[in-house]
Every structure is written in structure tokens, then in C-alpha cells.
Amino acid sequence: AFADRLVARLATLPGVTAVGYSNNLPLIQQGFSRDVSARPMAPGERAPRPYPSLHAISPGFAEAIGLRIVQGRTFSSGELARREALISRAFANSGFFDGPALGRQIYQGEHTWEVVGIVEDVRQFNLDQPPGSEMFIIDFIMAPPGFGGTYFAVKTQDSPIAISADVRTIVRQLDAAATVDNVATMEQIVSNAVSGPRLYAVLLGTFAAVAVALAAIGIYG
């Protein structure tokens, strides 16, 4: 309820075009899987691995982070959306469904979701790893303890950092005990994801330059 109220307030900020929340974000080194299957499982039967990464999101989250629908549609409005799922192209082509994925059902115990849309692939962990199977549903109620924090994504026409003060003010107005942590643009998140490889490249270049200089001195000598 707090997250929904916060999203409603953030949507009224000048320049904001989309806002939503999720239990996860791309490139934050965090993922959660659920034992889902493409057919109903008998009591005691386990769904075959590998399981897709599951993202519990609000209706506006996909638009806020720029998830592009490549086939099908986005979520319906109202309660119908809770029985629908978006999946990544990698998941659709993984062989999980043994055929076309669009319109198929995904099962997890007594819960079922219909695949209504396929989105472009998401690199959840690193840019140098191939995209994995991702599944997006609108259902925070069934998430178990420890399923992840709550990440809010705000898409704005203005400077993203410029509205951070407004975001903190709205959060304090809704709940004086709540705090906002780790405010960053997606550009900064992507930059942090490549900081390690960038450092290794700089070190390698430095050592190569030193080696060339030593070789040149040796040849001269």
C-alpha cells in the first residue's frame, strides 16, 4: 500500500512520464527464481530446471525502465493483470514452452499466468553475460520474506537527479520513518557494472606500456 501511494504521488511530479516499482533492477547483481512449469505439476512432482528469474513489478515499472514489447502486449488493467506475465525473448526461445510462448500458461502450484507479451532481453547481472530467462508478473502479495527490496524507477523528461529531493520529501510525507537509499540514474548503474572490466583494461594497458618502455630501453642498450 505504501508503494502504491508513493507511485501515485511521484506520477504527479513535473516531467515524470512513467513510474513503477519492483523487487529487482537490472545490473544490481541480484536475482530470484521460482519453480514454475509449462504444464500443471502433480502433487510432489518438481518442475524441471532451469527456472526463470522472477520479477514482481507494478504496472508502470516496465515502461519506466524502458522494457520494449517485441511481441504481444503489455499488462491488462485492474485485477486481470495479476494473472498475466511478460517474459523475455531469451525465455520465449529457451524451449521451456515446447512451441510458441505467446498465449501459453505458466504454472506454479495453484497459481497460473498467461504470457501476454514478450519483451526485449534484459541483462540482469553483467553486460558480458548472455541474457537469461526473465519473467515479470504483477503480484507482490505472494512474494516470500527475503524476496528482495523495493526499487522505484522514475522516468522523467528533466534531469533525474533534479527530482531526487522531491522524491525524498514525498517519502517523508507518507512515512516519517521511511528513507530513500541508493538514488542513481540507469546510466550510473550501467557505468558501475562496467567499472571492474574498465579497471582491468586500464591496468593491462599500464603494464603493457611499461613492458614496451623496458623493451625499448633494452633494445637501445
Protein backbone atom coordinates (compact mmCIF):
# COMPACT_ATOMS: atom_id res chain seq x y z
CA ALA A 1 0.00 0.00 0.00
CA PHE A 2 2.85 2.39 0.80
CA ALA A 3 4.50 1.68 -2.57
CA ASP A 4 1.24 2.32 -4.44
CA ARG A 5 0.72 5.63 -2.64
CA LEU A 6 4.29 6.66 -3.36
CA VAL A 7 3.94 5.82 -7.06
CA ALA A 8 0.73 7.86 -7.26
CA ARG A 9 2.49 10.88 -5.73
CA LEU A 10 5.62 10.52 -7.87
CA ALA A 11 3.50 10.41 -11.03
CA THR A 12 2.30 13.97 -10.27
CA LEU A 13 5.82 15.45 -10.32
CA PRO A 14 6.52 17.77 -13.28
CA GLY A 15 8.26 15.99 -16.15
CA VAL A 16 7.59 12.45 -14.89
CA THR A 17 6.27 10.26 -17.72
CA ALA A 18 6.33 6.83 -16.06
CA VAL A 19 6.92 5.42 -12.59
CA GLY A 20 6.76 1.99 -11.01
CA TYR A 21 8.39 -0.35 -8.50
CA SER A 22 9.87 -3.83 -8.47
CA ASN A 23 11.69 -6.30 -6.27
CA ASN A 24 14.66 -6.04 -8.61
CA LEU A 25 16.55 -3.88 -11.09
CA PRO A 26 18.84 -4.77 -14.00
CA LEU A 27 22.58 -4.93 -13.24
CA ILE A 28 22.31 -4.91 -9.45
CA GLN A 29 23.73 -8.45 -9.13
CA GLN A 30 20.53 -9.90 -7.71
CA GLY A 31 18.07 -12.48 -8.99
CA PHE A 32 15.27 -14.69 -7.72
CA SER A 33 13.94 -17.86 -9.32
CA ARG A 34 10.67 -19.74 -8.85
CA ASP A 35 9.88 -23.36 -9.67
CA VAL A 36 7.43 -22.66 -12.49
CA SER A 37 6.49 -25.04 -15.30
CA ALA A 38 4.75 -25.02 -18.68
CA ARG A 39 2.17 -27.61 -17.52
CA PRO A 40 0.40 -28.43 -14.25
CA MET A 41 2.54 -30.46 -11.85
CA ALA A 42 1.16 -33.48 -9.99
CA PRO A 43 1.38 -33.44 -6.17
CA GLY A 44 5.02 -33.99 -5.19
CA GLU A 45 6.29 -33.52 -8.74
CA ARG A 46 9.04 -30.96 -9.23
CA ALA A 47 9.13 -28.60 -12.18
CA PRO A 48 12.14 -29.13 -14.48
CA ARG A 49 15.07 -26.75 -14.26
CA PRO A 50 16.31 -24.22 -15.17
CA TYR A 51 13.79 -21.84 -13.65
CA PRO A 52 13.39 -18.27 -14.93
CA SER A 53 14.27 -15.25 -12.82
CA LEU A 54 11.06 -13.81 -11.40
CA HIS A 55 10.42 -10.07 -11.15
CA ALA A 56 7.42 -8.82 -9.18
CA ILE A 57 6.60 -5.41 -10.61
CA SER A 58 3.93 -2.73 -10.60
CA PRO A 59 2.06 -1.90 -13.84
CA GLY A 60 4.17 1.15 -14.68
CA PHE A 61 7.58 -0.36 -14.00
CA ALA A 62 8.18 -1.87 -17.45
CA GLU A 63 7.57 1.49 -19.13
CA ALA A 64 9.68 3.33 -16.55
CA ILE A 65 12.82 1.27 -17.24
CA GLY A 66 12.16 1.15 -20.99
CA LEU A 67 11.24 -2.52 -21.45
CA ARG A 68 10.17 -2.73 -25.09
CA ILE A 69 7.42 -5.14 -26.11
CA VAL A 70 8.60 -7.11 -29.17
CA GLN A 71 5.56 -9.38 -29.42
CA GLY A 72 2.11 -9.33 -27.86
CA ARG A 73 1.03 -6.59 -25.47
CA THR A 74 1.57 -5.22 -22.01
CA PHE A 75 -0.50 -5.99 -18.91
CA SER A 76 -4.25 -5.50 -18.77
CA SER A 77 -5.74 -3.03 -16.31
CA GLY A 78 -7.14 -3.96 -12.91
CA GLU A 79 -7.17 -7.43 -11.40
CA LEU A 80 -6.79 -9.14 -14.77
CA ALA A 81 -3.14 -8.07 -14.79
CA ARG A 82 -2.38 -10.32 -11.80
CA ARG A 83 -2.98 -13.40 -13.94
CA GLU A 84 -0.73 -12.23 -16.76
CA ALA A 85 3.02 -12.35 -17.36
CA LEU A 86 5.62 -10.72 -19.56
CA ILE A 87 8.67 -12.80 -20.46
CA SER A 88 11.99 -12.02 -22.08
CA ARG A 89 12.81 -13.10 -25.62
CA ALA A 90 15.52 -15.42 -24.24
CA PHE A 91 12.89 -17.16 -22.07
CA ALA A 92 10.50 -17.46 -25.02
CA ASN A 93 13.23 -19.10 -27.13
CA SER A 94 14.64 -21.32 -24.37
CA GLY A 95 12.48 -24.35 -25.19
CA PHE A 96 10.57 -24.03 -21.91
CA PHE A 97 7.21 -23.98 -23.71
CA ASP A 98 7.96 -26.56 -26.44
CA GLY A 99 6.50 -24.21 -29.04
CA PRO A 100 5.37 -20.56 -29.34
CA ALA A 101 5.33 -18.86 -25.96
CA LEU A 102 2.73 -16.15 -26.55
CA GLY A 103 -0.64 -17.12 -25.09
CA ARG A 104 0.74 -20.09 -23.12
CA GLN A 105 0.19 -20.66 -19.42
CA ILE A 106 2.88 -20.70 -16.72
CA TYR A 107 2.10 -22.76 -13.62
CA GLN A 108 3.36 -22.54 -10.05
CA GLY A 109 1.26 -24.56 -7.60
CA GLU A 110 -2.28 -23.19 -7.71
CA HIS A 111 -1.08 -20.00 -9.40
CA THR A 112 -1.17 -19.58 -13.18
CA TRP A 113 -0.16 -16.75 -15.50
CA GLU A 114 -0.83 -16.26 -19.18
CA VAL A 115 2.05 -14.99 -21.32
CA VAL A 116 0.59 -11.85 -22.90
CA GLY A 117 3.80 -10.21 -24.07
CA ILE A 118 7.43 -10.85 -24.92
CA VAL A 119 9.94 -8.11 -24.09
CA GLU A 120 13.45 -7.49 -25.32
CA ASP A 121 16.16 -9.30 -23.39
CA VAL A 122 17.41 -7.94 -20.08
CA ARG A 123 20.98 -8.33 -18.85
CA GLN A 124 20.28 -8.87 -15.18
CA PHE A 125 23.79 -9.49 -13.84
CA ASN A 126 26.59 -8.38 -16.15
CA LEU A 127 26.89 -6.87 -19.59
CA ASP A 128 29.38 -9.59 -20.57
CA GLN A 129 26.94 -12.40 -19.74
CA PRO A 130 24.27 -13.54 -22.21
CA PRO A 131 20.69 -12.52 -21.32
CA GLY A 132 18.85 -15.07 -19.20
CA SER A 133 15.22 -16.16 -18.90
CA GLU A 134 13.23 -13.41 -17.18
CA MET A 135 9.58 -13.38 -16.11
CA PHE A 136 7.65 -10.30 -14.99
CA ILE A 137 4.41 -10.53 -13.00
CA ILE A 138 2.24 -8.06 -11.09
CA ASP A 139 1.98 -9.76 -7.74
CA PHE A 140 3.79 -8.64 -4.60
CA ILE A 141 1.41 -10.42 -2.23
CA MET A 142 2.78 -13.91 -2.94
CA ALA A 143 6.42 -12.87 -2.56
CA PRO A 144 8.03 -14.70 0.41
CA PRO A 145 10.17 -12.98 3.06
CA GLY A 146 13.60 -12.06 1.75
CA PHE A 147 12.37 -11.86 -1.83
CA GLY A 148 14.18 -8.58 -2.24
CA GLY A 149 13.85 -4.90 -1.51
CA THR A 150 11.62 -2.42 -3.26
CA TYR A 151 13.18 -0.48 -6.10
CA PHE A 152 11.37 2.50 -7.60
CA ALA A 153 12.01 3.55 -11.19
CA VAL A 154 11.07 7.04 -12.36
CA LYS A 155 11.26 8.11 -16.00
CA THR A 156 11.40 11.85 -16.41
CA GLN A 157 11.89 14.37 -19.18
CA ASP A 158 14.01 16.51 -16.86
CA SER A 159 17.24 15.70 -15.04
CA PRO A 160 16.66 12.53 -12.95
CA ILE A 161 18.91 13.78 -10.17
CA ALA A 162 16.99 17.07 -10.00
CA ILE A 163 13.84 15.33 -8.74
CA SER A 164 15.63 13.29 -6.06
CA ALA A 165 14.93 15.99 -3.45
CA ASP A 166 11.22 15.92 -4.35
CA VAL A 167 11.23 12.13 -4.04
CA ARG A 168 12.74 12.28 -0.54
CA THR A 169 10.23 14.93 0.51
CA ILE A 170 7.26 12.85 -0.68
CA VAL A 171 8.59 9.75 1.09
CA ARG A 172 8.91 11.64 4.39
CA GLN A 173 5.38 13.00 3.98
CA LEU A 174 3.98 9.49 3.50
CA ASP A 175 6.01 7.90 6.30
CA ALA A 176 8.36 9.81 8.56
CA ALA A 177 10.25 6.59 9.35
CA ALA A 178 10.91 5.70 5.70
CA THR A 179 14.16 6.57 3.98
CA VAL A 180 15.38 6.64 0.38
CA ASP A 181 18.70 4.96 -0.33
CA ASN A 182 20.92 4.48 -3.39
CA VAL A 183 19.48 7.09 -5.75
CA ALA A 184 21.11 6.65 -9.16
CA THR A 185 20.38 7.00 -12.84
CA MET A 186 20.37 3.94 -15.08
CA GLU A 187 23.44 5.41 -16.79
CA GLN A 188 25.26 5.33 -13.45
CA ILE A 189 24.13 1.76 -12.79
CA VAL A 190 25.44 0.68 -16.19
CA SER A 191 28.69 2.56 -15.56
CA ASN A 192 29.14 0.79 -12.22
CA ALA A 193 28.54 -2.55 -13.93
CA VAL A 194 31.50 -1.99 -16.26
CA SER A 195 33.79 -0.35 -13.67
CA GLY A 196 35.58 -3.65 -12.94
CA PRO A 197 36.39 -4.51 -16.58
CA ARG A 198 37.34 -0.86 -17.17
CA LEU A 199 39.83 -1.00 -14.26
CA TYR A 200 41.33 -4.24 -15.57
CA ALA A 201 41.71 -2.69 -19.02
CA VAL A 202 43.50 0.36 -17.55
CA LEU A 203 45.86 -1.86 -15.53
CA LEU A 204 46.58 -4.07 -18.53
CA GLY A 205 47.28 -1.01 -20.67
CA THR A 206 49.61 0.40 -18.00
CA PHE A 207 51.57 -2.84 -17.69
CA ALA A 208 51.78 -3.10 -21.48
CA ALA A 209 53.15 0.44 -21.70
CA VAL A 210 55.75 -0.34 -19.02
CA ALA A 211 56.73 -3.52 -20.88
CA VAL A 212 57.14 -1.60 -24.14
CA ALA A 213 59.28 1.04 -22.39
CA LEU A 214 61.52 -1.63 -20.80
CA ALA A 215 61.84 -3.42 -24.13
CA ALA A 216 62.78 -0.18 -25.85
CA ILE A 217 65.42 0.57 -23.19
CA GLY A 218 66.80 -2.95 -23.56
CA ILE A 219 66.98 -2.69 -27.34
CA TYR A 220 68.67 0.69 -27.09
CA GLY A 221 71.17 -0.71 -24.61
